[in-house]
Amino acid sequence: MNTHKKVYCFFSPKNFFQLFSYEENDKLLMTLYKNGGMLYNLIEKSDEADKRLQIKKYNSFVKTKILPDKFTFNTDLLIVGDTIALISFDNLIAVTIQDAAIARLQKNIFEMIWKSIK
């Protein structure tokens, strides 16, 4: 999150907050904010997602849409510039790929889903 760029993320709050605290999440988000970045989240629907959307302090730099009920996953996917990161909550591993073509494809998929959600 140490970037001034736009970050696009498929995010599973339920899985994330089983491993990380609200304080750790706040630190990540505030690092993004202080660097001038923006976060666009497509969030897995859950009670945890509803709680997170109530936090107003992030509204100026975090934009969020909730995914349909059946869209569930145990990973996060982040797209930043020419880099993507895949984070598995099942195995606690992450893979990053730095390639403009792969990042562009993932961003296009993200944007297509973003536009389809009202």
PDB file of N, CA and C in Angstrom:
ATOM      1  N   MET A   1       0.814  -1.200   0.000  1.00  0.00           N
ATOM      2  CA  MET A   1       0.000   0.000   0.000  1.00  0.00           C
ATOM      3  C   MET A   1       0.856   1.262   0.000  1.00  0.00           C
ATOM      4  N   ASN A   2       2.143   1.088  -0.057  1.00  0.00           N
ATOM      5  CA  ASN A   2       3.057   2.221  -0.060  1.00  0.00           C
ATOM      6  C   ASN A   2       3.199   2.767  -1.483  1.00  0.00           C
ATOM      7  N   THR A   3       2.085   3.297  -2.009  1.00  0.00           N
ATOM      8  CA  THR A   3       2.068   3.769  -3.385  1.00  0.00           C
ATOM      9  C   THR A   3       1.167   4.986  -3.517  1.00  0.00           C
ATOM     10  N   HIS A   4       1.423   5.796  -4.518  1.00  0.00           N
ATOM     11  CA  HIS A   4       0.565   6.933  -4.834  1.00  0.00           C
ATOM     12  C   HIS A   4      -0.425   6.561  -5.947  1.00  0.00           C
ATOM     13  N   LYS A   5      -0.364   5.330  -6.403  1.00  0.00           N
ATOM     14  CA  LYS A   5      -1.183   4.893  -7.531  1.00  0.00           C
ATOM     15  C   LYS A   5      -2.553   4.382  -7.099  1.00  0.00           C
ATOM     16  N   LYS A   6      -3.363   4.078  -8.090  1.00  0.00           N
ATOM     17  CA  LYS A   6      -4.639   3.422  -7.840  1.00  0.00           C
ATOM     18  C   LYS A   6      -4.378   1.939  -7.595  1.00  0.00           C
ATOM     19  N   VAL A   7      -5.043   1.406  -6.585  1.00  0.00           N
ATOM     20  CA  VAL A   7      -4.955  -0.005  -6.248  1.00  0.00           C
ATOM     21  C   VAL A   7      -6.342  -0.596  -6.483  1.00  0.00           C
ATOM     22  N   TYR A   8      -6.391  -1.679  -7.251  1.00  0.00           N
ATOM     23  CA  TYR A   8      -7.650  -2.377  -7.521  1.00  0.00           C
ATOM     24  C   TYR A   8      -7.573  -3.710  -6.790  1.00  0.00           C
ATOM     25  N   CYS A   9      -8.642  -4.043  -6.059  1.00  0.00           N
ATOM     26  CA  CYS A   9      -8.542  -5.194  -5.172  1.00  0.00           C
ATOM     27  C   CYS A   9      -9.838  -6.000  -5.136  1.00  0.00           C
ATOM     28  N   PHE A  10      -9.704  -7.314  -5.280  1.00  0.00           N
ATOM     29  CA  PHE A  10     -10.770  -8.246  -4.923  1.00  0.00           C
ATOM     30  C   PHE A  10     -10.462  -8.608  -3.475  1.00  0.00           C
ATOM     31  N   PHE A  11     -11.391  -8.307  -2.567  1.00  0.00           N
ATOM     32  CA  PHE A  11     -11.104  -8.369  -1.138  1.00  0.00           C
ATOM     33  C   PHE A  11     -12.134  -9.222  -0.407  1.00  0.00           C
ATOM     34  N   SER A  12     -11.646 -10.124   0.442  1.00  0.00           N
ATOM     35  CA  SER A  12     -12.497 -10.968   1.269  1.00  0.00           C
ATOM     36  C   SER A  12     -12.330 -10.563   2.732  1.00  0.00           C
ATOM     37  N   PRO A  13     -13.161  -9.629   3.229  1.00  0.00           N
ATOM     38  CA  PRO A  13     -13.002  -9.182   4.620  1.00  0.00           C
ATOM     39  C   PRO A  13     -13.115 -10.319   5.626  1.00  0.00           C
ATOM     40  N   LYS A  14     -14.034 -11.238   5.377  1.00  0.00           N
ATOM     41  CA  LYS A  14     -14.226 -12.352   6.312  1.00  0.00           C
ATOM     42  C   LYS A  14     -12.919 -13.120   6.498  1.00  0.00           C
ATOM     43  N   ASN A  15     -12.249 -13.443   5.422  1.00  0.00           N
ATOM     44  CA  ASN A  15     -10.993 -14.188   5.500  1.00  0.00           C
ATOM     45  C   ASN A  15      -9.841 -13.324   6.007  1.00  0.00           C
ATOM     46  N   PHE A  16      -9.784 -12.087   5.544  1.00  0.00           N
ATOM     47  CA  PHE A  16      -8.704 -11.178   5.941  1.00  0.00           C
ATOM     48  C   PHE A  16      -8.699 -10.954   7.452  1.00  0.00           C
ATOM     49  N   PHE A  17      -9.887 -10.666   8.018  1.00  0.00           N
ATOM     50  CA  PHE A  17      -9.946 -10.319   9.435  1.00  0.00           C
ATOM     51  C   PHE A  17      -9.906 -11.527  10.367  1.00  0.00           C
ATOM     52  N   GLN A  18      -9.839 -12.714   9.816  1.00  0.00           N
ATOM     53  CA  GLN A  18      -9.541 -13.881  10.641  1.00  0.00           C
ATOM     54  C   GLN A  18      -8.042 -13.950  10.939  1.00  0.00           C
ATOM     55  N   LEU A  19      -7.245 -13.283  10.105  1.00  0.00           N
ATOM     56  CA  LEU A  19      -5.787 -13.326  10.243  1.00  0.00           C
ATOM     57  C   LEU A  19      -5.175 -12.009  10.696  1.00  0.00           C
ATOM     58  N   PHE A  20      -5.807 -10.900  10.349  1.00  0.00           N
ATOM     59  CA  PHE A  20      -5.240  -9.586  10.624  1.00  0.00           C
ATOM     60  C   PHE A  20      -6.218  -8.748  11.447  1.00  0.00           C
ATOM     61  N   SER A  21      -5.684  -7.837  12.235  1.00  0.00           N
ATOM     62  CA  SER A  21      -6.505  -7.011  13.107  1.00  0.00           C
ATOM     63  C   SER A  21      -7.007  -5.768  12.364  1.00  0.00           C
ATOM     64  N   TYR A  22      -7.985  -5.121  12.978  1.00  0.00           N
ATOM     65  CA  TYR A  22      -8.474  -3.855  12.435  1.00  0.00           C
ATOM     66  C   TYR A  22      -7.363  -2.808  12.458  1.00  0.00           C
ATOM     67  N   GLU A  23      -6.515  -2.863  13.465  1.00  0.00           N
ATOM     68  CA  GLU A  23      -5.405  -1.918  13.566  1.00  0.00           C
ATOM     69  C   GLU A  23      -4.409  -2.114  12.424  1.00  0.00           C
ATOM     70  N   GLU A  24      -4.117  -3.361  12.093  1.00  0.00           N
ATOM     71  CA  GLU A  24      -3.206  -3.635  10.970  1.00  0.00           C
ATOM     72  C   GLU A  24      -3.819  -3.158   9.657  1.00  0.00           C
ATOM     73  N   ASN A  25      -5.109  -3.390   9.489  1.00  0.00           N
ATOM     74  CA  ASN A  25      -5.783  -2.927   8.288  1.00  0.00           C
ATOM     75  C   ASN A  25      -5.767  -1.404   8.218  1.00  0.00           C
ATOM     76  N   ASP A  26      -6.033  -0.743   9.337  1.00  0.00           N
ATOM     77  CA  ASP A  26      -6.018   0.718   9.377  1.00  0.00           C
ATOM     78  C   ASP A  26      -4.641   1.253   9.002  1.00  0.00           C
ATOM     79  N   LYS A  27      -3.598   0.618   9.509  1.00  0.00           N
ATOM     80  CA  LYS A  27      -2.231   1.054   9.191  1.00  0.00           C
ATOM     81  C   LYS A  27      -1.964   0.945   7.687  1.00  0.00           C
ATOM     82  N   LEU A  28      -2.381  -0.153   7.078  1.00  0.00           N
ATOM     83  CA  LEU A  28      -2.217  -0.318   5.624  1.00  0.00           C
ATOM     84  C   LEU A  28      -2.966   0.767   4.858  1.00  0.00           C
ATOM     85  N   LEU A  29      -4.225   0.975   5.224  1.00  0.00           N
ATOM     86  CA  LEU A  29      -5.038   1.958   4.516  1.00  0.00           C
ATOM     87  C   LEU A  29      -4.513   3.375   4.705  1.00  0.00           C
ATOM     88  N   MET A  30      -4.085   3.711   5.906  1.00  0.00           N
ATOM     89  CA  MET A  30      -3.578   5.059   6.147  1.00  0.00           C
ATOM     90  C   MET A  30      -2.236   5.284   5.452  1.00  0.00           C
ATOM     91  N   THR A  31      -1.450   4.227   5.251  1.00  0.00           N
ATOM     92  CA  THR A  31      -0.226   4.352   4.454  1.00  0.00           C
ATOM     93  C   THR A  31      -0.578   4.724   3.025  1.00  0.00           C
ATOM     94  N   LEU A  32      -1.575   4.061   2.461  1.00  0.00           N
ATOM     95  CA  LEU A  32      -2.039   4.392   1.117  1.00  0.00           C
ATOM     96  C   LEU A  32      -2.509   5.841   1.057  1.00  0.00           C
ATOM     97  N   TYR A  33      -3.305   6.247   2.031  1.00  0.00           N
ATOM     98  CA  TYR A  33      -3.841   7.609   2.073  1.00  0.00           C
ATOM     99  C   TYR A  33      -2.720   8.647   2.128  1.00  0.00           C
ATOM    100  N   LYS A  34      -1.748   8.438   3.008  1.00  0.00           N
ATOM    101  CA  LYS A  34      -0.651   9.397   3.181  1.00  0.00           C
ATOM    102  C   LYS A  34       0.202   9.523   1.930  1.00  0.00           C
ATOM    103  N   ASN A  35       0.242   8.484   1.105  1.00  0.00           N
ATOM    104  CA  ASN A  35       1.016   8.520  -0.133  1.00  0.00           C
ATOM    105  C   ASN A  35       0.200   9.028  -1.320  1.00  0.00           C
ATOM    106  N   GLY A  36      -1.064   9.325  -1.106  1.00  0.00           N
ATOM    107  CA  GLY A  36      -1.896   9.860  -2.181  1.00  0.00           C
ATOM    108  C   GLY A  36      -2.521   8.807  -3.074  1.00  0.00           C
ATOM    109  N   GLY A  37      -2.566   7.563  -2.624  1.00  0.00           N
ATOM    110  CA  GLY A  37      -3.155   6.493  -3.427  1.00  0.00           C
ATOM    111  C   GLY A  37      -4.667   6.410  -3.263  1.00  0.00           C
ATOM    112  N   MET A  38      -5.278   5.639  -4.124  1.00  0.00           N
ATOM    113  CA  MET A  38      -6.714   5.365  -4.079  1.00  0.00           C
ATOM    114  C   MET A  38      -6.901   3.859  -4.113  1.00  0.00           C
ATOM    115  N   LEU A  39      -7.924   3.371  -3.427  1.00  0.00           N
ATOM    116  CA  LEU A  39      -8.223   1.946  -3.393  1.00  0.00           C
ATOM    117  C   LEU A  39      -9.634   1.713  -3.911  1.00  0.00           C
ATOM    118  N   TYR A  40      -9.733   0.831  -4.898  1.00  0.00           N
ATOM    119  CA  TYR A  40     -11.022   0.410  -5.438  1.00  0.00           C
ATOM    120  C   TYR A  40     -11.195  -1.056  -5.062  1.00  0.00           C
ATOM    121  N   ASN A  41     -12.194  -1.341  -4.229  1.00  0.00           N
ATOM    122  CA  ASN A  41     -12.431  -2.685  -3.696  1.00  0.00           C
ATOM    123  C   ASN A  41     -13.677  -3.309  -4.284  1.00  0.00           C
ATOM    124  N   LEU A  42     -13.553  -4.525  -4.733  1.00  0.00           N
ATOM    125  CA  LEU A  42     -14.705  -5.382  -4.983  1.00  0.00           C
ATOM    126  C   LEU A  42     -14.694  -6.374  -3.839  1.00  0.00           C
ATOM    127  N   ILE A  43     -15.699  -6.285  -2.964  1.00  0.00           N
ATOM    128  CA  ILE A  43     -15.678  -7.015  -1.706  1.00  0.00           C
ATOM    129  C   ILE A  43     -16.674  -8.168  -1.716  1.00  0.00           C
ATOM    130  N   GLU A  44     -16.194  -9.288  -1.206  1.00  0.00           N
ATOM    131  CA  GLU A  44     -17.051 -10.442  -0.993  1.00  0.00           C
ATOM    132  C   GLU A  44     -18.138 -10.069   0.021  1.00  0.00           C
ATOM    133  N   LYS A  45     -19.365 -10.413  -0.280  1.00  0.00           N
ATOM    134  CA  LYS A  45     -20.486 -10.077   0.597  1.00  0.00           C
ATOM    135  C   LYS A  45     -20.412 -10.885   1.892  1.00  0.00           C
ATOM    136  N   SER A  46     -20.519 -10.158   3.031  1.00  0.00           N
ATOM    137  CA  SER A  46     -20.496 -10.803   4.348  1.00  0.00           C
ATOM    138  C   SER A  46     -20.911  -9.775   5.392  1.00  0.00           C
ATOM    139  N   ASP A  47     -21.179 -10.241   6.594  1.00  0.00           N
ATOM    140  CA  ASP A  47     -21.450  -9.318   7.699  1.00  0.00           C
ATOM    141  C   ASP A  47     -20.228  -8.432   7.952  1.00  0.00           C
ATOM    142  N   GLU A  48     -19.046  -9.012   7.805  1.00  0.00           N
ATOM    143  CA  GLU A  48     -17.809  -8.262   7.989  1.00  0.00           C
ATOM    144  C   GLU A  48     -17.704  -7.126   6.970  1.00  0.00           C
ATOM    145  N   ALA A  49     -18.107  -7.372   5.747  1.00  0.00           N
ATOM    146  CA  ALA A  49     -18.079  -6.338   4.715  1.00  0.00           C
ATOM    147  C   ALA A  49     -19.002  -5.194   5.099  1.00  0.00           C
ATOM    148  N   ASP A  50     -20.184  -5.507   5.599  1.00  0.00           N
ATOM    149  CA  ASP A  50     -21.127  -4.468   6.018  1.00  0.00           C
ATOM    150  C   ASP A  50     -20.533  -3.601   7.129  1.00  0.00           C
ATOM    151  N   LYS A  51     -19.827  -4.210   8.079  1.00  0.00           N
ATOM    152  CA  LYS A  51     -19.182  -3.451   9.159  1.00  0.00           C
ATOM    153  C   LYS A  51     -18.129  -2.497   8.602  1.00  0.00           C
ATOM    154  N   ARG A  52     -17.334  -2.994   7.675  1.00  0.00           N
ATOM    155  CA  ARG A  52     -16.238  -2.189   7.121  1.00  0.00           C
ATOM    156  C   ARG A  52     -16.756  -0.992   6.341  1.00  0.00           C
ATOM    157  N   LEU A  53     -17.892  -1.144   5.694  1.00  0.00           N
ATOM    158  CA  LEU A  53     -18.445  -0.045   4.906  1.00  0.00           C
ATOM    159  C   LEU A  53     -18.980   1.086   5.777  1.00  0.00           C
ATOM    160  N   GLN A  54     -19.164   0.845   7.048  1.00  0.00           N
ATOM    161  CA  GLN A  54     -19.664   1.865   7.967  1.00  0.00           C
ATOM    162  C   GLN A  54     -18.568   2.841   8.410  1.00  0.00           C
ATOM    163  N   ILE A  55     -17.313   2.520   8.145  1.00  0.00           N
ATOM    164  CA  ILE A  55     -16.195   3.361   8.591  1.00  0.00           C
ATOM    165  C   ILE A  55     -16.015   4.504   7.600  1.00  0.00           C
ATOM    166  N   LYS A  56     -16.377   5.696   8.031  1.00  0.00           N
ATOM    167  CA  LYS A  56     -16.415   6.874   7.145  1.00  0.00           C
ATOM    168  C   LYS A  56     -15.038   7.481   6.878  1.00  0.00           C
ATOM    169  N   LYS A  57     -14.059   7.248   7.737  1.00  0.00           N
ATOM    170  CA  LYS A  57     -12.771   7.923   7.579  1.00  0.00           C
ATOM    171  C   LYS A  57     -12.038   7.515   6.295  1.00  0.00           C
ATOM    172  N   TYR A  58     -12.433   6.398   5.699  1.00  0.00           N
ATOM    173  CA  TYR A  58     -11.775   5.931   4.480  1.00  0.00           C
ATOM    174  C   TYR A  58     -12.494   6.382   3.198  1.00  0.00           C
ATOM    175  N   ASN A  59     -13.653   6.987   3.322  1.00  0.00           N
ATOM    176  CA  ASN A  59     -14.489   7.279   2.147  1.00  0.00           C
ATOM    177  C   ASN A  59     -13.825   8.145   1.082  1.00  0.00           C
ATOM    178  N   SER A  60     -12.883   8.992   1.450  1.00  0.00           N
ATOM    179  CA  SER A  60     -12.278   9.887   0.462  1.00  0.00           C
ATOM    180  C   SER A  60     -11.280   9.186  -0.455  1.00  0.00           C
ATOM    181  N   PHE A  61     -10.762   8.026  -0.027  1.00  0.00           N
ATOM    182  CA  PHE A  61      -9.743   7.362  -0.841  1.00  0.00           C
ATOM    183  C   PHE A  61      -9.997   5.869  -1.046  1.00  0.00           C
ATOM    184  N   VAL A  62     -11.087   5.345  -0.494  1.00  0.00           N
ATOM    185  CA  VAL A  62     -11.458   3.946  -0.700  1.00  0.00           C
ATOM    186  C   VAL A  62     -12.862   3.907  -1.289  1.00  0.00           C
ATOM    187  N   LYS A  63     -12.978   3.319  -2.468  1.00  0.00           N
ATOM    188  CA  LYS A  63     -14.272   3.151  -3.139  1.00  0.00           C
ATOM    189  C   LYS A  63     -14.568   1.663  -3.173  1.00  0.00           C
ATOM    190  N   THR A  64     -15.787   1.308  -2.803  1.00  0.00           N
ATOM    191  CA  THR A  64     -16.111  -0.107  -2.614  1.00  0.00           C
ATOM    192  C   THR A  64     -17.444  -0.467  -3.234  1.00  0.00           C
ATOM    193  N   LYS A  65     -17.483  -1.652  -3.816  1.00  0.00           N
ATOM    194  CA  LYS A  65     -18.723  -2.261  -4.275  1.00  0.00           C
ATOM    195  C   LYS A  65     -18.751  -3.695  -3.768  1.00  0.00           C
ATOM    196  N   ILE A  66     -19.953  -4.156  -3.415  1.00  0.00           N
ATOM    197  CA  ILE A  66     -20.129  -5.504  -2.891  1.00  0.00           C
ATOM    198  C   ILE A  66     -20.425  -6.459  -4.045  1.00  0.00           C
ATOM    199  N   LEU A  67     -19.736  -7.568  -4.082  1.00  0.00           N
ATOM    200  CA  LEU A  67     -19.941  -8.591  -5.105  1.00  0.00           C
ATOM    201  C   LEU A  67     -21.230  -9.375  -4.835  1.00  0.00           C
ATOM    202  N   PRO A  68     -21.785 -10.017  -5.846  1.00  0.00           N
ATOM    203  CA  PRO A  68     -22.995 -10.831  -5.646  1.00  0.00           C
ATOM    204  C   PRO A  68     -22.761 -11.964  -4.647  1.00  0.00           C
ATOM    205  N   ASP A  69     -23.852 -12.459  -4.065  1.00  0.00           N
ATOM    206  CA  ASP A  69     -23.802 -13.496  -3.022  1.00  0.00           C
ATOM    207  C   ASP A  69     -22.920 -14.685  -3.363  1.00  0.00           C
ATOM    208  N   LYS A  70     -23.025 -15.206  -4.547  1.00  0.00           N
ATOM    209  CA  LYS A  70     -22.328 -16.456  -4.912  1.00  0.00           C
ATOM    210  C   LYS A  70     -20.853 -16.248  -5.267  1.00  0.00           C
ATOM    211  N   PHE A  71     -20.388 -15.017  -5.311  1.00  0.00           N
ATOM    212  CA  PHE A  71     -19.004 -14.711  -5.664  1.00  0.00           C
ATOM    213  C   PHE A  71     -18.171 -14.771  -4.384  1.00  0.00           C
ATOM    214  N   THR A  72     -17.628 -15.954  -4.076  1.00  0.00           N
ATOM    215  CA  THR A  72     -16.838 -16.137  -2.861  1.00  0.00           C
ATOM    216  C   THR A  72     -15.428 -16.609  -3.209  1.00  0.00           C
ATOM    217  N   PHE A  73     -14.488 -16.309  -2.331  1.00  0.00           N
ATOM    218  CA  PHE A  73     -13.091 -16.672  -2.588  1.00  0.00           C
ATOM    219  C   PHE A  73     -12.293 -16.610  -1.300  1.00  0.00           C
ATOM    220  N   ASN A  74     -11.159 -17.309  -1.266  1.00  0.00           N
ATOM    221  CA  ASN A  74     -10.265 -17.337  -0.105  1.00  0.00           C
ATOM    222  C   ASN A  74      -8.941 -16.651  -0.397  1.00  0.00           C
ATOM    223  N   THR A  75      -8.969 -15.734  -1.335  1.00  0.00           N
ATOM    224  CA  THR A  75      -7.753 -15.015  -1.710  1.00  0.00           C
ATOM    225  C   THR A  75      -8.065 -13.537  -1.848  1.00  0.00           C
ATOM    226  N   ASP A  76      -7.028 -12.747  -1.867  1.00  0.00           N
ATOM    227  CA  ASP A  76      -7.139 -11.360  -2.307  1.00  0.00           C
ATOM    228  C   ASP A  76      -6.332 -11.244  -3.590  1.00  0.00           C
ATOM    229  N   LEU A  77      -6.787 -10.369  -4.456  1.00  0.00           N
ATOM    230  CA  LEU A  77      -6.062 -10.051  -5.683  1.00  0.00           C
ATOM    231  C   LEU A  77      -5.916  -8.547  -5.717  1.00  0.00           C
ATOM    232  N   LEU A  78      -4.684  -8.083  -5.811  1.00  0.00           N
ATOM    233  CA  LEU A  78      -4.418  -6.649  -5.901  1.00  0.00           C
ATOM    234  C   LEU A  78      -3.739  -6.348  -7.225  1.00  0.00           C
ATOM    235  N   ILE A  79      -4.128  -5.238  -7.828  1.00  0.00           N
ATOM    236  CA  ILE A  79      -3.536  -4.786  -9.082  1.00  0.00           C
ATOM    237  C   ILE A  79      -3.042  -3.364  -8.852  1.00  0.00           C
ATOM    238  N   VAL A  80      -1.743  -3.152  -9.051  1.00  0.00           N
ATOM    239  CA  VAL A  80      -1.138  -1.838  -8.876  1.00  0.00           C
ATOM    240  C   VAL A  80      -0.170  -1.617 -10.031  1.00  0.00           C
ATOM    241  N   GLY A  81      -0.497  -0.695 -10.904  1.00  0.00           N
ATOM    242  CA  GLY A  81       0.373  -0.445 -12.048  1.00  0.00           C
ATOM    243  C   GLY A  81       0.554  -1.706 -12.870  1.00  0.00           C
ATOM    244  N   ASP A  82       1.801  -2.115 -13.082  1.00  0.00           N
ATOM    245  CA  ASP A  82       2.125  -3.307 -13.867  1.00  0.00           C
ATOM    246  C   ASP A  82       2.307  -4.558 -13.004  1.00  0.00           C
ATOM    247  N   THR A  83       1.846  -4.501 -11.762  1.00  0.00           N
ATOM    248  CA  THR A  83       2.050  -5.607 -10.830  1.00  0.00           C
ATOM    249  C   THR A  83       0.719  -6.111 -10.290  1.00  0.00           C
ATOM    250  N   ILE A  84       0.614  -7.441 -10.176  1.00  0.00           N
ATOM    251  CA  ILE A  84      -0.520  -8.032  -9.471  1.00  0.00           C
ATOM    252  C   ILE A  84       0.035  -8.852  -8.310  1.00  0.00           C
ATOM    253  N   ALA A  85      -0.761  -8.942  -7.265  1.00  0.00           N
ATOM    254  CA  ALA A  85      -0.412  -9.782  -6.115  1.00  0.00           C
ATOM    255  C   ALA A  85      -1.602 -10.673  -5.820  1.00  0.00           C
ATOM    256  N   LEU A  86      -1.338 -11.949  -5.670  1.00  0.00           N
ATOM    257  CA  LEU A  86      -2.344 -12.933  -5.283  1.00  0.00           C
ATOM    258  C   LEU A  86      -1.972 -13.420  -3.893  1.00  0.00           C
ATOM    259  N   ILE A  87      -2.913 -13.306  -2.956  1.00  0.00           N
ATOM    260  CA  ILE A  87      -2.647 -13.675  -1.574  1.00  0.00           C
ATOM    261  C   ILE A  87      -3.634 -14.758  -1.171  1.00  0.00           C
ATOM    262  N   SER A  88      -3.122 -15.931  -0.794  1.00  0.00           N
ATOM    263  CA  SER A  88      -3.960 -17.048  -0.374  1.00  0.00           C
ATOM    264  C   SER A  88      -4.094 -17.044   1.144  1.00  0.00           C
ATOM    265  N   PHE A  89      -5.329 -16.986   1.620  1.00  0.00           N
ATOM    266  CA  PHE A  89      -5.562 -17.071   3.058  1.00  0.00           C
ATOM    267  C   PHE A  89      -5.524 -18.515   3.539  1.00  0.00           C
ATOM    268  N   ASP A  90      -5.716 -19.456   2.639  1.00  0.00           N
ATOM    269  CA  ASP A  90      -5.657 -20.869   3.014  1.00  0.00           C
ATOM    270  C   ASP A  90      -4.244 -21.299   3.376  1.00  0.00           C
ATOM    271  N   ASN A  91      -3.257 -20.830   2.609  1.00  0.00           N
ATOM    272  CA  ASN A  91      -1.874 -21.267   2.784  1.00  0.00           C
ATOM    273  C   ASN A  91      -0.940 -20.169   3.281  1.00  0.00           C
ATOM    274  N   LEU A  92      -1.483 -18.957   3.443  1.00  0.00           N
ATOM    275  CA  LEU A  92      -0.672 -17.811   3.847  1.00  0.00           C
ATOM    276  C   LEU A  92       0.546 -17.623   2.956  1.00  0.00           C
ATOM    277  N   ILE A  93       0.296 -17.671   1.662  1.00  0.00           N
ATOM    278  CA  ILE A  93       1.356 -17.388   0.703  1.00  0.00           C
ATOM    279  C   ILE A  93       0.883 -16.289  -0.241  1.00  0.00           C
ATOM    280  N   ALA A  94       1.840 -15.618  -0.837  1.00  0.00           N
ATOM    281  CA  ALA A  94       1.530 -14.575  -1.812  1.00  0.00           C
ATOM    282  C   ALA A  94       2.443 -14.736  -3.012  1.00  0.00           C
ATOM    283  N   VAL A  95       1.911 -14.384  -4.158  1.00  0.00           N
ATOM    284  CA  VAL A  95       2.669 -14.407  -5.401  1.00  0.00           C
ATOM    285  C   VAL A  95       2.494 -13.042  -6.048  1.00  0.00           C
ATOM    286  N   THR A  96       3.578 -12.452  -6.491  1.00  0.00           N
ATOM    287  CA  THR A  96       3.475 -11.214  -7.255  1.00  0.00           C
ATOM    288  C   THR A  96       3.972 -11.467  -8.667  1.00  0.00           C
ATOM    289  N   ILE A  97       3.324 -10.814  -9.593  1.00  0.00           N
ATOM    290  CA  ILE A  97       3.713 -10.902 -11.000  1.00  0.00           C
ATOM    291  C   ILE A  97       3.836  -9.481 -11.512  1.00  0.00           C
ATOM    292  N   GLN A  98       4.985  -9.155 -12.054  1.00  0.00           N
ATOM    293  CA  GLN A  98       5.176  -7.837 -12.629  1.00  0.00           C
ATOM    294  C   GLN A  98       5.246  -7.988 -14.143  1.00  0.00           C
ATOM    295  N   ASP A  99       4.124  -7.691 -14.779  1.00  0.00           N
ATOM    296  CA  ASP A  99       4.027  -7.806 -16.229  1.00  0.00           C
ATOM    297  C   ASP A  99       2.863  -6.921 -16.677  1.00  0.00           C
ATOM    298  N   ALA A 100       3.137  -5.990 -17.567  1.00  0.00           N
ATOM    299  CA  ALA A 100       2.121  -5.032 -17.994  1.00  0.00           C
ATOM    300  C   ALA A 100       0.911  -5.709 -18.636  1.00  0.00           C
ATOM    301  N   ALA A 101       1.131  -6.727 -19.457  1.00  0.00           N
ATOM    302  CA  ALA A 101       0.023  -7.390 -20.150  1.00  0.00           C
ATOM    303  C   ALA A 101      -0.885  -8.137 -19.175  1.00  0.00           C
ATOM    304  N   ILE A 102      -0.296  -8.846 -18.228  1.00  0.00           N
ATOM    305  CA  ILE A 102      -1.094  -9.590 -17.243  1.00  0.00           C
ATOM    306  C   ILE A 102      -1.848  -8.620 -16.341  1.00  0.00           C
ATOM    307  N   ALA A 103      -1.184  -7.564 -15.893  1.00  0.00           N
ATOM    308  CA  ALA A 103      -1.847  -6.567 -15.040  1.00  0.00           C
ATOM    309  C   ALA A 103      -2.984  -5.884 -15.800  1.00  0.00           C
ATOM    310  N   ARG A 104      -2.773  -5.571 -17.054  1.00  0.00           N
ATOM    311  CA  ARG A 104      -3.820  -4.926 -17.865  1.00  0.00           C
ATOM    312  C   ARG A 104      -5.036  -5.840 -18.006  1.00  0.00           C
ATOM    313  N   LEU A 105      -4.816  -7.134 -18.239  1.00  0.00           N
ATOM    314  CA  LEU A 105      -5.927  -8.078 -18.331  1.00  0.00           C
ATOM    315  C   LEU A 105      -6.704  -8.123 -17.016  1.00  0.00           C
ATOM    316  N   GLN A 106      -6.006  -8.240 -15.892  1.00  0.00           N
ATOM    317  CA  GLN A 106      -6.671  -8.291 -14.594  1.00  0.00           C
ATOM    318  C   GLN A 106      -7.435  -6.999 -14.311  1.00  0.00           C
ATOM    319  N   LYS A 107      -6.846  -5.868 -14.668  1.00  0.00           N
ATOM    320  CA  LYS A 107      -7.525  -4.585 -14.468  1.00  0.00           C
ATOM    321  C   LYS A 107      -8.775  -4.501 -15.337  1.00  0.00           C
ATOM    322  N   ASN A 108      -8.700  -4.971 -16.567  1.00  0.00           N
ATOM    323  CA  ASN A 108      -9.874  -4.971 -17.446  1.00  0.00           C
ATOM    324  C   ASN A 108     -10.995  -5.836 -16.872  1.00  0.00           C
ATOM    325  N   ILE A 109     -10.650  -6.995 -16.328  1.00  0.00           N
ATOM    326  CA  ILE A 109     -11.651  -7.860 -15.693  1.00  0.00           C
ATOM    327  C   ILE A 109     -12.260  -7.149 -14.490  1.00  0.00           C
ATOM    328  N   PHE A 110     -11.401  -6.540 -13.670  1.00  0.00           N
ATOM    329  CA  PHE A 110     -11.881  -5.794 -12.510  1.00  0.00           C
ATOM    330  C   PHE A 110     -12.856  -4.702 -12.946  1.00  0.00           C
ATOM    331  N   GLU A 111     -12.462  -3.905 -13.933  1.00  0.00           N
ATOM    332  CA  GLU A 111     -13.310  -2.788 -14.380  1.00  0.00           C
ATOM    333  C   GLU A 111     -14.625  -3.264 -14.974  1.00  0.00           C
ATOM    334  N   MET A 112     -14.613  -4.380 -15.689  1.00  0.00           N
ATOM    335  CA  MET A 112     -15.839  -4.924 -16.252  1.00  0.00           C
ATOM    336  C   MET A 112     -16.806  -5.308 -15.118  1.00  0.00           C
ATOM    337  N   ILE A 113     -16.284  -5.960 -14.090  1.00  0.00           N
ATOM    338  CA  ILE A 113     -17.135  -6.336 -12.956  1.00  0.00           C
ATOM    339  C   ILE A 113     -17.588  -5.077 -12.205  1.00  0.00           C
ATOM    340  N   TRP A 114     -16.684  -4.138 -11.993  1.00  0.00           N
ATOM    341  CA  TRP A 114     -17.016  -2.893 -11.285  1.00  0.00           C
ATOM    342  C   TRP A 114     -18.196  -2.190 -11.969  1.00  0.00           C
ATOM    343  N   LYS A 115     -18.117  -2.057 -13.289  1.00  0.00           N
ATOM    344  CA  LYS A 115     -19.175  -1.359 -14.040  1.00  0.00           C
ATOM    345  C   LYS A 115     -20.495  -2.106 -14.016  1.00  0.00           C
ATOM    346  N   SER A 116     -20.455  -3.423 -13.842  1.00  0.00           N
ATOM    347  CA  SER A 116     -21.686  -4.204 -13.858  1.00  0.00           C
ATOM    348  C   SER A 116     -22.450  -4.177 -12.533  1.00  0.00           C
ATOM    349  N   ILE A 117     -21.792  -3.698 -11.475  1.00  0.00           N
ATOM    350  CA  ILE A 117     -22.419  -3.638 -10.150  1.00  0.00           C
ATOM    351  C   ILE A 117     -22.926  -2.220  -9.905  1.00  0.00           C
ATOM    352  N   LYS A 118     -24.168  -2.129  -9.574  1.00  0.00           N
ATOM    353  CA  LYS A 118     -24.768  -0.804  -9.305  1.00  0.00           C
ATOM    354  C   LYS A 118     -24.477  -0.317  -7.927  1.00  0.00           C
TER     355      LYS A 118
END
